[in-house]
Structures are given as structure tokens and as C-alpha cells.
Amino acid sequence: MLDEVQKSLSRLARTDNYEFISLAAVDTKLHLIDKLFYGIAAKIDWPKQARRFVGTQLHKLGYRVDSAGSRLDFNEIAVQNKLSSAVLSSKLQELLKSTIIDDLDMSIEFRFAAMHLCLAQIYRDGRPLSDLQDGIIGWLTGIVPSVVSLRRASIFQRIGRHNGRHLLHSLAAWNRKCDSNGLLLCLDISRYLEAVKVADRTDGLYYSPANTSDLYEVLRECIDDIDRASGIVILVIAPPAFLEDPRRGIDVYRALKMRVWDDVRVRGHENPVAPLVRLSAWGRVNAR
């Protein structure tokens, strides 16, 4: 059943030009916002996104660009558009500054990371304009033990619990820049609702009730950030224990329950200010 839901969501996302990413608690610690971000980042083709972004922006400026290959050639772009190397270099700097660096919807470190990813897609005399792509992707996916090598990109701290939500919002904004309507994120939190003895556990991660409360805190923060989180849809899949379990269910974290529970039900009328809807098993939609 879960696989069918995710496949349907994936098809729907492709139809509406959304990036679909699915994460499950069995292999990702969703209660830690940095781990959640790393899980998302690991499923994104960063070079492809950056290549598409640069090609699209150059096309908007009226330049001819052959973006069919795996890289963009600086000298070829200059020749095709009858530009000197100095002029093209200046145009690229202006382009990246106006479209990335000046975009305050993204955190400053994410902006510098995106800029270097774009520069890494443009080769001049066989060398990329930035050699920091691997380090930046490692920073985005959490596999870089140190950020010392990224100081040249003005990145001075790792992604952690203190800045993970800001990076998630930045990723959503960046995704929309790359010819996408947004990000559809599907989170399967079923494993958080399982209370299994250590001796009976199988593969994957298991969680304590405290971890489950931390997860609810992350979800509550995502809801409260709805006004700042443009271009992202978060769909949470949970088993019946989410409503019924007295130790792990939603009743243990009332702050989240107050944001998703139906206080007033008006059949046949939609609440125009409600940020959430409930999808029932019978196909009805009840606005909160």
C-alpha cells in the first residue's frame, strides 16, 4: 500500500514538474533536521541542477548555449555569441550575482555553494571555473568531516541542528530556480511508532519515545515556518499508532496536535486560511 502511494505521488510530481523525494525513518533519522536535510540532499543531482540553471539563465540573456553535454564550454559559448573572454567572464559574474548571491530567500552559505556548483559546470581550457564541487556536495550531504577546504567558498560551518531548517528553505528556493515548480517531500515516520525489544529488532533504525517527541518538534517547526517555506510540500505518512499509541502517538506532543487536529469541522465549506488538509481513506477532503 505504501509503495503504491509513493509511486502515485512520484507520478503526480512529475506531471506537475515537482521534484519528488521520499525518505523513511527506517534508514534516516528524521528527528534530526540536519540528518533530514542530508537525506534530501543525497537524492539530488546537484551538477545536473546547476548545469540546467546556468544554461537557462544564459538563454534568458539571449545567448546561444549547447547544454546537451555534461559540461558547458566557456570558449565555445564566447565564440558562438561573438563575445570576448573578458566580456563573457563579466557577464557570468553579473549573472550569478543577480540570480544567486542577491537572492535573500536562500541563506548566504547556500548561495555561495550554489554559485560554485554553477561555476563548476563551466569549463575553460579543460578546467572547471571552480574546483570545489566535490567538497560542496560533501558539505550538502554531510560526508565532509571538515569545512576548512571550503573557506574559499565562504562556507565556515557544517550543516547542523542550528541551521538545518534555513538550509531546507534555501534548497526549496533553489529547486524552483532550476526550472521546477517545487519540492514534494514524502516522509514515512512509521518506524518511530514501533516499540520493539532489542532482541526482536531487524535491519534499520529504531527510536525511543524521546526521539519520537523530537520528530514531532521538527514537524511542528516545519508547520510554523509555512510562511517562509516557499516551494515545498511535506507529506507525512504514519500508521494508526500515530493517533492511538499513548506513549508514542501525537498525544505526547500537544504542540503538534494543536496544529493538525480538527478543532471545528464545517462540512462542505473550506477554511480559506487553513494551511493543512486531511485526506481521508474515502477520498473526502476535510479542511481544517
C-alpha atoms as a PDB file:
ATOM      1  CA  MET A   1       0.000   0.000   0.000  1.00  0.00           C
ATOM      2  CA  LEU A   2       2.780   2.433   0.957  1.00  0.00           C
ATOM      3  CA  ASP A   3       4.697   1.694  -2.241  1.00  0.00           C
ATOM      4  CA  GLU A   4       1.579   2.389  -4.304  1.00  0.00           C
ATOM      5  CA  VAL A   5       1.070   5.726  -2.532  1.00  0.00           C
ATOM      6  CA  GLN A   6       4.660   6.771  -3.157  1.00  0.00           C
ATOM      7  CA  LYS A   7       4.530   5.718  -6.804  1.00  0.00           C
ATOM      8  CA  SER A   8       1.339   7.724  -7.283  1.00  0.00           C
ATOM      9  CA  LEU A   9       2.934  10.742  -5.622  1.00  0.00           C
ATOM     10  CA  SER A  10       6.000  10.395  -7.827  1.00  0.00           C
ATOM     11  CA  ARG A  11       3.851  10.339 -10.969  1.00  0.00           C
ATOM     12  CA  LEU A  12       1.866  13.320  -9.749  1.00  0.00           C
ATOM     13  CA  ALA A  13       5.075  15.235  -9.014  1.00  0.00           C
ATOM     14  CA  ARG A  14       6.463  14.559 -12.485  1.00  0.00           C
ATOM     15  CA  THR A  15       3.192  15.618 -14.097  1.00  0.00           C
ATOM     16  CA  ASP A  16       3.220  18.958 -12.268  1.00  0.00           C
ATOM     17  CA  ASN A  17       7.006  19.414 -12.602  1.00  0.00           C
ATOM     18  CA  TYR A  18       7.842  18.916  -8.929  1.00  0.00           C
ATOM     19  CA  GLU A  19      10.963  17.263  -7.564  1.00  0.00           C
ATOM     20  CA  PHE A  20       9.826  14.178  -5.601  1.00  0.00           C
ATOM     21  CA  ILE A  21      11.945  12.891  -2.735  1.00  0.00           C
ATOM     22  CA  SER A  22      10.909  10.130  -0.364  1.00  0.00           C
ATOM     23  CA  LEU A  23      12.602   9.405   2.965  1.00  0.00           C
ATOM     24  CA  ALA A  24      11.821   6.706   5.521  1.00  0.00           C
ATOM     25  CA  ALA A  25      12.675   6.656   9.207  1.00  0.00           C
ATOM     26  CA  VAL A  26      13.971   3.116   8.849  1.00  0.00           C
ATOM     27  CA  ASP A  27      17.163   4.492   7.285  1.00  0.00           C
ATOM     28  CA  THR A  28      17.114   8.249   8.013  1.00  0.00           C
ATOM     29  CA  LYS A  29      16.978   9.971  11.407  1.00  0.00           C
ATOM     30  CA  LEU A  30      14.114  12.297  10.596  1.00  0.00           C
ATOM     31  CA  HIS A  31      14.005  13.717  14.131  1.00  0.00           C
ATOM     32  CA  LEU A  32      17.305  15.489  13.458  1.00  0.00           C
ATOM     33  CA  ILE A  33      16.793  18.310  10.976  1.00  0.00           C
ATOM     34  CA  ASP A  34      20.390  18.119   9.734  1.00  0.00           C
ATOM     35  CA  LYS A  35      20.044  14.382   9.026  1.00  0.00           C
ATOM     36  CA  LEU A  36      16.748  15.095   7.289  1.00  0.00           C
ATOM     37  CA  PHE A  37      18.442  17.684   5.088  1.00  0.00           C
ATOM     38  CA  TYR A  38      21.357  15.347   4.337  1.00  0.00           C
ATOM     39  CA  GLY A  39      18.913  12.633   3.291  1.00  0.00           C
ATOM     40  CA  ILE A  40      17.208  15.009   0.868  1.00  0.00           C
ATOM     41  CA  ALA A  41      20.484  16.382  -0.489  1.00  0.00           C
ATOM     42  CA  ALA A  42      21.842  12.886  -1.140  1.00  0.00           C
ATOM     43  CA  LYS A  43      18.995  12.239  -3.603  1.00  0.00           C
ATOM     44  CA  ILE A  44      19.551  15.374  -5.672  1.00  0.00           C
ATOM     45  CA  ASP A  45      21.704  15.505  -8.800  1.00  0.00           C
ATOM     46  CA  TRP A  46      23.434  18.765  -7.908  1.00  0.00           C
ATOM     47  CA  PRO A  47      25.643  19.071 -11.029  1.00  0.00           C
ATOM     48  CA  LYS A  48      22.663  18.461 -13.318  1.00  0.00           C
ATOM     49  CA  GLN A  49      20.616  21.104 -11.497  1.00  0.00           C
ATOM     50  CA  ALA A  50      23.424  23.657 -11.667  1.00  0.00           C
ATOM     51  CA  ARG A  51      24.050  22.946 -15.358  1.00  0.00           C
ATOM     52  CA  ARG A  52      20.372  23.401 -16.160  1.00  0.00           C
ATOM     53  CA  PHE A  53      20.255  26.630 -14.167  1.00  0.00           C
ATOM     54  CA  VAL A  54      23.262  28.195 -15.917  1.00  0.00           C
ATOM     55  CA  GLY A  55      22.017  27.151 -19.351  1.00  0.00           C
ATOM     56  CA  THR A  56      18.546  28.553 -18.698  1.00  0.00           C
ATOM     57  CA  GLN A  57      19.860  31.860 -17.398  1.00  0.00           C
ATOM     58  CA  LEU A  58      22.199  32.312 -20.364  1.00  0.00           C
ATOM     59  CA  HIS A  59      19.317  31.561 -22.737  1.00  0.00           C
ATOM     60  CA  LYS A  60      17.246  34.231 -20.992  1.00  0.00           C
ATOM     61  CA  LEU A  61      20.014  36.719 -21.762  1.00  0.00           C
ATOM     62  CA  GLY A  62      19.745  35.786 -25.428  1.00  0.00           C
ATOM     63  CA  TYR A  63      22.942  33.744 -25.651  1.00  0.00           C
ATOM     64  CA  ARG A  64      23.309  30.532 -27.635  1.00  0.00           C
ATOM     65  CA  VAL A  65      24.324  27.664 -25.383  1.00  0.00           C
ATOM     66  CA  ASP A  66      24.812  23.994 -26.184  1.00  0.00           C
ATOM     67  CA  SER A  67      23.613  22.393 -22.943  1.00  0.00           C
ATOM     68  CA  ALA A  68      23.223  18.863 -24.315  1.00  0.00           C
ATOM     69  CA  GLY A  69      26.551  17.647 -22.933  1.00  0.00           C
ATOM     70  CA  SER A  70      27.689  17.025 -19.376  1.00  0.00           C
ATOM     71  CA  ARG A  71      29.510  20.365 -19.207  1.00  0.00           C
ATOM     72  CA  LEU A  72      29.400  23.894 -20.595  1.00  0.00           C
ATOM     73  CA  ASP A  73      32.432  25.168 -22.514  1.00  0.00           C
ATOM     74  CA  PHE A  74      33.423  28.757 -21.795  1.00  0.00           C
ATOM     75  CA  ASN A  75      35.374  29.280 -25.000  1.00  0.00           C
ATOM     76  CA  GLU A  76      32.642  27.720 -27.126  1.00  0.00           C
ATOM     77  CA  ILE A  77      29.993  29.977 -25.591  1.00  0.00           C
ATOM     78  CA  ALA A  78      32.178  33.020 -26.268  1.00  0.00           C
ATOM     79  CA  VAL A  79      32.726  32.043 -29.923  1.00  0.00           C
ATOM     80  CA  GLN A  80      29.072  31.166 -30.567  1.00  0.00           C
ATOM     81  CA  ASN A  81      27.922  34.508 -29.196  1.00  0.00           C
ATOM     82  CA  LYS A  82      30.815  36.578 -30.602  1.00  0.00           C
ATOM     83  CA  LEU A  83      31.974  37.702 -27.173  1.00  0.00           C
ATOM     84  CA  SER A  84      35.477  38.279 -25.898  1.00  0.00           C
ATOM     85  CA  SER A  85      36.605  36.203 -22.921  1.00  0.00           C
ATOM     86  CA  ALA A  86      36.651  39.315 -20.734  1.00  0.00           C
ATOM     87  CA  VAL A  87      33.090  40.275 -21.651  1.00  0.00           C
ATOM     88  CA  LEU A  88      31.740  36.753 -21.136  1.00  0.00           C
ATOM     89  CA  SER A  89      33.526  36.496 -17.784  1.00  0.00           C
ATOM     90  CA  SER A  90      31.975  39.794 -16.693  1.00  0.00           C
ATOM     91  CA  LYS A  91      28.526  38.696 -17.855  1.00  0.00           C
ATOM     92  CA  LEU A  92      28.809  35.447 -15.910  1.00  0.00           C
ATOM     93  CA  GLN A  93      29.786  37.279 -12.743  1.00  0.00           C
ATOM     94  CA  GLU A  94      26.851  39.665 -13.105  1.00  0.00           C
ATOM     95  CA  LEU A  95      24.508  36.767 -13.838  1.00  0.00           C
ATOM     96  CA  LEU A  96      25.486  34.708 -10.791  1.00  0.00           C
ATOM     97  CA  LYS A  97      25.419  37.743  -8.528  1.00  0.00           C
ATOM     98  CA  SER A  98      21.952  38.885  -9.582  1.00  0.00           C
ATOM     99  CA  THR A  99      20.332  35.434  -9.660  1.00  0.00           C
ATOM    100  CA  ILE A 100      22.059  33.729  -6.716  1.00  0.00           C
ATOM    101  CA  ILE A 101      24.126  35.928  -4.424  1.00  0.00           C
ATOM    102  CA  ASP A 102      21.498  38.687  -4.220  1.00  0.00           C
ATOM    103  CA  ASP A 103      18.621  36.260  -3.594  1.00  0.00           C
ATOM    104  CA  LEU A 104      17.777  36.665   0.092  1.00  0.00           C
ATOM    105  CA  ASP A 105      15.362  33.707   0.027  1.00  0.00           C
ATOM    106  CA  MET A 106      18.447  31.490   0.410  1.00  0.00           C
ATOM    107  CA  SER A 107      20.953  31.503   3.279  1.00  0.00           C
ATOM    108  CA  ILE A 108      24.281  33.132   2.496  1.00  0.00           C
ATOM    109  CA  GLU A 109      26.266  29.890   2.711  1.00  0.00           C
ATOM    110  CA  PHE A 110      23.835  28.101   0.423  1.00  0.00           C
ATOM    111  CA  ARG A 111      24.126  30.961  -2.061  1.00  0.00           C
ATOM    112  CA  PHE A 112      27.909  30.644  -2.211  1.00  0.00           C
ATOM    113  CA  ALA A 113      27.603  26.855  -2.503  1.00  0.00           C
ATOM    114  CA  ALA A 114      25.145  27.184  -5.415  1.00  0.00           C
ATOM    115  CA  MET A 115      27.387  29.728  -7.136  1.00  0.00           C
ATOM    116  CA  HIS A 116      30.402  27.421  -7.015  1.00  0.00           C
ATOM    117  CA  LEU A 117      28.316  24.492  -8.221  1.00  0.00           C
ATOM    118  CA  CYS A 118      27.347  26.617 -11.234  1.00  0.00           C
ATOM    119  CA  LEU A 119      30.937  27.662 -11.890  1.00  0.00           C
ATOM    120  CA  ALA A 120      31.998  24.003 -11.697  1.00  0.00           C
ATOM    121  CA  GLN A 121      29.765  23.219 -14.692  1.00  0.00           C
ATOM    122  CA  ILE A 122      31.633  25.684 -16.943  1.00  0.00           C
ATOM    123  CA  TYR A 123      34.975  24.501 -18.296  1.00  0.00           C
ATOM    124  CA  ARG A 124      37.664  26.746 -19.689  1.00  0.00           C
ATOM    125  CA  ASP A 125      40.689  25.174 -21.369  1.00  0.00           C
ATOM    126  CA  GLY A 126      39.730  21.802 -19.897  1.00  0.00           C
ATOM    127  CA  ARG A 127      39.383  23.005 -16.299  1.00  0.00           C
ATOM    128  CA  PRO A 128      36.224  23.968 -14.359  1.00  0.00           C
ATOM    129  CA  LEU A 129      35.887  27.569 -13.232  1.00  0.00           C
ATOM    130  CA  SER A 130      35.534  26.223  -9.686  1.00  0.00           C
ATOM    131  CA  ASP A 131      37.228  23.115  -8.298  1.00  0.00           C
ATOM    132  CA  LEU A 132      35.061  22.968  -5.168  1.00  0.00           C
ATOM    133  CA  GLN A 133      32.168  20.876  -6.479  1.00  0.00           C
ATOM    134  CA  ASP A 134      33.043  17.652  -4.661  1.00  0.00           C
ATOM    135  CA  GLY A 135      33.627  19.454  -1.386  1.00  0.00           C
ATOM    136  CA  ILE A 136      30.380  21.386  -1.631  1.00  0.00           C
ATOM    137  CA  ILE A 137      28.328  18.289  -2.447  1.00  0.00           C
ATOM    138  CA  GLY A 138      30.010  16.601   0.511  1.00  0.00           C
ATOM    139  CA  TRP A 139      29.033  19.571   2.695  1.00  0.00           C
ATOM    140  CA  LEU A 140      25.429  19.397   1.466  1.00  0.00           C
ATOM    141  CA  THR A 141      25.185  15.651   2.074  1.00  0.00           C
ATOM    142  CA  GLY A 142      27.045  15.563   5.392  1.00  0.00           C
ATOM    143  CA  ILE A 143      30.049  13.489   4.353  1.00  0.00           C
ATOM    144  CA  VAL A 144      32.685  16.226   4.709  1.00  0.00           C
ATOM    145  CA  PRO A 145      34.376  15.933   8.125  1.00  0.00           C
ATOM    146  CA  SER A 146      35.793  19.461   7.946  1.00  0.00           C
ATOM    147  CA  VAL A 147      34.845  22.699   6.198  1.00  0.00           C
ATOM    148  CA  VAL A 148      38.388  24.090   6.164  1.00  0.00           C
ATOM    149  CA  SER A 149      38.726  23.342   2.450  1.00  0.00           C
ATOM    150  CA  LEU A 150      35.507  25.286   1.768  1.00  0.00           C
ATOM    151  CA  ARG A 151      36.633  28.581   3.247  1.00  0.00           C
ATOM    152  CA  ARG A 152      37.429  29.742  -0.285  1.00  0.00           C
ATOM    153  CA  ALA A 153      33.692  29.449  -0.938  1.00  0.00           C
ATOM    154  CA  SER A 154      32.891  31.498   2.206  1.00  0.00           C
ATOM    155  CA  ILE A 155      31.499  28.400   3.940  1.00  0.00           C
ATOM    156  CA  PHE A 156      32.669  28.270   7.551  1.00  0.00           C
ATOM    157  CA  GLN A 157      30.309  25.875   9.367  1.00  0.00           C
ATOM    158  CA  ARG A 158      28.766  22.496   8.838  1.00  0.00           C
ATOM    159  CA  ILE A 159      25.044  21.971   8.458  1.00  0.00           C
ATOM    160  CA  GLY A 160      23.612  21.168  11.883  1.00  0.00           C
ATOM    161  CA  ARG A 161      20.509  21.459  14.009  1.00  0.00           C
ATOM    162  CA  HIS A 162      21.064  25.206  14.368  1.00  0.00           C
ATOM    163  CA  ASN A 163      20.811  25.951  10.625  1.00  0.00           C
ATOM    164  CA  GLY A 164      19.216  22.870   9.064  1.00  0.00           C
ATOM    165  CA  ARG A 165      15.774  24.443   8.597  1.00  0.00           C
ATOM    166  CA  HIS A 166      17.274  27.502   6.910  1.00  0.00           C
ATOM    167  CA  LEU A 167      19.156  25.228   4.512  1.00  0.00           C
ATOM    168  CA  LEU A 168      15.951  23.293   3.806  1.00  0.00           C
ATOM    169  CA  HIS A 169      14.165  26.521   2.897  1.00  0.00           C
ATOM    170  CA  SER A 170      17.137  27.513   0.751  1.00  0.00           C
ATOM    171  CA  LEU A 171      17.024  24.178  -1.052  1.00  0.00           C
ATOM    172  CA  ALA A 172      13.336  24.652  -1.819  1.00  0.00           C
ATOM    173  CA  ALA A 173      14.030  28.129  -3.223  1.00  0.00           C
ATOM    174  CA  TRP A 174      16.974  26.844  -5.272  1.00  0.00           C
ATOM    175  CA  ASN A 175      14.911  23.975  -6.650  1.00  0.00           C
ATOM    176  CA  ARG A 176      12.378  26.445  -8.033  1.00  0.00           C
ATOM    177  CA  LYS A 177      15.156  28.375  -9.722  1.00  0.00           C
ATOM    178  CA  CYS A 178      16.155  25.219 -11.586  1.00  0.00           C
ATOM    179  CA  ASP A 179      13.022  25.053 -13.756  1.00  0.00           C
ATOM    180  CA  SER A 180      10.971  23.168 -11.147  1.00  0.00           C
ATOM    181  CA  ASN A 181       7.668  24.153  -9.565  1.00  0.00           C
ATOM    182  CA  GLY A 182       8.835  22.986  -6.165  1.00  0.00           C
ATOM    183  CA  LEU A 183       9.827  20.102  -3.924  1.00  0.00           C
ATOM    184  CA  LEU A 184       7.419  17.351  -2.846  1.00  0.00           C
ATOM    185  CA  LEU A 185       8.874  15.662   0.216  1.00  0.00           C
ATOM    186  CA  CYS A 186       7.322  12.415   1.467  1.00  0.00           C
ATOM    187  CA  LEU A 187       8.309  11.292   4.989  1.00  0.00           C
ATOM    188  CA  ASP A 188       7.446   7.817   6.253  1.00  0.00           C
ATOM    189  CA  ILE A 189       7.618   8.034  10.059  1.00  0.00           C
ATOM    190  CA  SER A 190       6.252   4.535  10.742  1.00  0.00           C
ATOM    191  CA  ARG A 191       9.391   3.279  12.486  1.00  0.00           C
ATOM    192  CA  TYR A 192       9.051   5.973  15.173  1.00  0.00           C
ATOM    193  CA  LEU A 193       5.742   4.431  16.211  1.00  0.00           C
ATOM    194  CA  GLU A 194       7.218   0.937  16.687  1.00  0.00           C
ATOM    195  CA  ALA A 195       8.139  -0.265  20.167  1.00  0.00           C
ATOM    196  CA  VAL A 196      10.293  -3.345  19.532  1.00  0.00           C
ATOM    197  CA  LYS A 197      12.518  -5.139  22.029  1.00  0.00           C
ATOM    198  CA  VAL A 198      16.216  -5.094  21.151  1.00  0.00           C
ATOM    199  CA  ALA A 199      16.266  -8.876  20.751  1.00  0.00           C
ATOM    200  CA  ASP A 200      13.443  -8.736  18.218  1.00  0.00           C
ATOM    201  CA  ARG A 201      14.770  -5.927  16.051  1.00  0.00           C
ATOM    202  CA  THR A 202      15.653  -6.444  12.403  1.00  0.00           C
ATOM    203  CA  ASP A 203      17.511  -4.197   9.973  1.00  0.00           C
ATOM    204  CA  GLY A 204      17.241  -0.433  10.052  1.00  0.00           C
ATOM    205  CA  LEU A 205      16.983   2.250  12.702  1.00  0.00           C
ATOM    206  CA  TYR A 206      14.782   2.130  15.791  1.00  0.00           C
ATOM    207  CA  TYR A 207      13.799   5.001  18.037  1.00  0.00           C
ATOM    208  CA  SER A 208      12.980   5.782  21.633  1.00  0.00           C
ATOM    209  CA  PRO A 209       9.872   7.692  22.744  1.00  0.00           C
ATOM    210  CA  ALA A 210      12.134  10.708  23.301  1.00  0.00           C
ATOM    211  CA  ASN A 211      13.267  10.505  19.666  1.00  0.00           C
ATOM    212  CA  THR A 212       9.615  10.426  18.623  1.00  0.00           C
ATOM    213  CA  SER A 213       8.942  13.615  20.573  1.00  0.00           C
ATOM    214  CA  ASP A 214      11.930  15.216  18.849  1.00  0.00           C
ATOM    215  CA  LEU A 215      10.433  14.230  15.490  1.00  0.00           C
ATOM    216  CA  TYR A 216       7.146  15.891  16.408  1.00  0.00           C
ATOM    217  CA  GLU A 217       9.083  19.021  17.324  1.00  0.00           C
ATOM    218  CA  VAL A 218      10.702  19.061  13.857  1.00  0.00           C
ATOM    219  CA  LEU A 219       7.290  18.647  12.204  1.00  0.00           C
ATOM    220  CA  ARG A 220       5.835  21.391  14.379  1.00  0.00           C
ATOM    221  CA  GLU A 221       8.653  23.744  13.350  1.00  0.00           C
ATOM    222  CA  CYS A 222       8.018  22.954   9.687  1.00  0.00           C
ATOM    223  CA  ILE A 223       4.359  23.888  10.118  1.00  0.00           C
ATOM    224  CA  ASP A 224       5.216  27.111  11.938  1.00  0.00           C
ATOM    225  CA  ASP A 225       7.638  28.040   9.137  1.00  0.00           C
ATOM    226  CA  ILE A 226       4.944  27.708   6.472  1.00  0.00           C
ATOM    227  CA  ASP A 227       5.012  31.425   5.625  1.00  0.00           C
ATOM    228  CA  ARG A 228       8.756  31.317   4.929  1.00  0.00           C
ATOM    229  CA  ALA A 229       8.950  27.906   3.267  1.00  0.00           C
ATOM    230  CA  SER A 230       8.030  28.706  -0.316  1.00  0.00           C
ATOM    231  CA  GLY A 231       8.008  25.925  -2.902  1.00  0.00           C
ATOM    232  CA  ILE A 232       7.934  22.870  -0.641  1.00  0.00           C
ATOM    233  CA  VAL A 233       5.196  20.349   0.171  1.00  0.00           C
ATOM    234  CA  ILE A 234       5.798  17.954   3.066  1.00  0.00           C
ATOM    235  CA  LEU A 235       3.617  14.848   3.204  1.00  0.00           C
ATOM    236  CA  VAL A 236       3.923  12.711   6.344  1.00  0.00           C
ATOM    237  CA  ILE A 237       2.871   9.058   6.251  1.00  0.00           C
ATOM    238  CA  ALA A 238       2.119   7.448   9.625  1.00  0.00           C
ATOM    239  CA  PRO A 239       0.450   4.236  10.855  1.00  0.00           C
ATOM    240  CA  PRO A 240      -2.700   4.177  13.050  1.00  0.00           C
ATOM    241  CA  ALA A 241      -0.468   4.212  16.157  1.00  0.00           C
ATOM    242  CA  PHE A 242       0.154   7.892  15.427  1.00  0.00           C
ATOM    243  CA  LEU A 243      -3.390   8.532  16.661  1.00  0.00           C
ATOM    244  CA  GLU A 244      -3.762   5.667  19.127  1.00  0.00           C
ATOM    245  CA  ASP A 245      -0.469   4.947  20.929  1.00  0.00           C
ATOM    246  CA  PRO A 246      -0.446   6.674  24.375  1.00  0.00           C
ATOM    247  CA  ARG A 247       3.383   6.562  24.613  1.00  0.00           C
ATOM    248  CA  ARG A 248       4.398   7.451  21.050  1.00  0.00           C
ATOM    249  CA  GLY A 249       1.304   8.911  19.422  1.00  0.00           C
ATOM    250  CA  ILE A 250       0.513  12.549  18.769  1.00  0.00           C
ATOM    251  CA  ASP A 251      -0.970  12.994  22.267  1.00  0.00           C
ATOM    252  CA  VAL A 252       2.567  13.059  23.732  1.00  0.00           C
ATOM    253  CA  TYR A 253       3.315  16.325  21.946  1.00  0.00           C
ATOM    254  CA  ARG A 254       0.351  18.639  22.211  1.00  0.00           C
ATOM    255  CA  ALA A 255       2.059  21.500  20.370  1.00  0.00           C
ATOM    256  CA  LEU A 256       1.923  19.444  17.168  1.00  0.00           C
ATOM    257  CA  LYS A 257      -1.544  18.105  17.862  1.00  0.00           C
ATOM    258  CA  MET A 258      -2.908  21.632  18.254  1.00  0.00           C
ATOM    259  CA  ARG A 259      -1.647  22.431  14.755  1.00  0.00           C
ATOM    260  CA  VAL A 260      -3.057  19.432  12.905  1.00  0.00           C
ATOM    261  CA  TRP A 261      -6.150  18.431  14.881  1.00  0.00           C
ATOM    262  CA  ASP A 262      -9.648  19.414  13.772  1.00  0.00           C
ATOM    263  CA  ASP A 263     -10.979  21.925  16.292  1.00  0.00           C
ATOM    264  CA  VAL A 264     -14.017  22.839  14.223  1.00  0.00           C
ATOM    265  CA  ARG A 265     -15.491  20.800  11.400  1.00  0.00           C
ATOM    266  CA  VAL A 266     -17.710  22.526   8.877  1.00  0.00           C
ATOM    267  CA  ARG A 267     -18.868  20.082   6.259  1.00  0.00           C
ATOM    268  CA  GLY A 268     -18.949  21.392   2.712  1.00  0.00           C
ATOM    269  CA  HIS A 269     -17.054  24.614   3.451  1.00  0.00           C
ATOM    270  CA  GLU A 270     -13.364  25.261   3.029  1.00  0.00           C
ATOM    271  CA  ASN A 271     -11.413  27.287   5.556  1.00  0.00           C
ATOM    272  CA  PRO A 272      -9.536  29.826   3.380  1.00  0.00           C
ATOM    273  CA  VAL A 273      -6.793  30.379   5.969  1.00  0.00           C
ATOM    274  CA  ALA A 274      -6.036  26.721   6.749  1.00  0.00           C
ATOM    275  CA  PRO A 275      -2.520  25.619   5.747  1.00  0.00           C
ATOM    276  CA  LEU A 276      -3.365  21.927   6.158  1.00  0.00           C
ATOM    277  CA  VAL A 277      -5.934  19.498   4.804  1.00  0.00           C
ATOM    278  CA  ARG A 278      -6.768  15.963   5.872  1.00  0.00           C
ATOM    279  CA  LEU A 279      -7.117  13.286   3.202  1.00  0.00           C
ATOM    280  CA  SER A 280      -9.445  10.515   4.302  1.00  0.00           C
ATOM    281  CA  ALA A 281      -9.423   6.916   3.134  1.00  0.00           C
ATOM    282  CA  TRP A 282     -12.742   7.534   1.361  1.00  0.00           C
ATOM    283  CA  GLY A 283     -11.423  10.314  -0.832  1.00  0.00           C
ATOM    284  CA  ARG A 284     -13.059  13.208   1.001  1.00  0.00           C
ATOM    285  CA  VAL A 285     -11.031  16.270   1.902  1.00  0.00           C
ATOM    286  CA  ASN A 286     -11.842  17.995   5.170  1.00  0.00           C
ATOM    287  CA  ALA A 287     -10.371  21.470   5.536  1.00  0.00           C
ATOM    288  CA  ARG A 288      -9.012  22.390   8.895  1.00  0.00           C
END
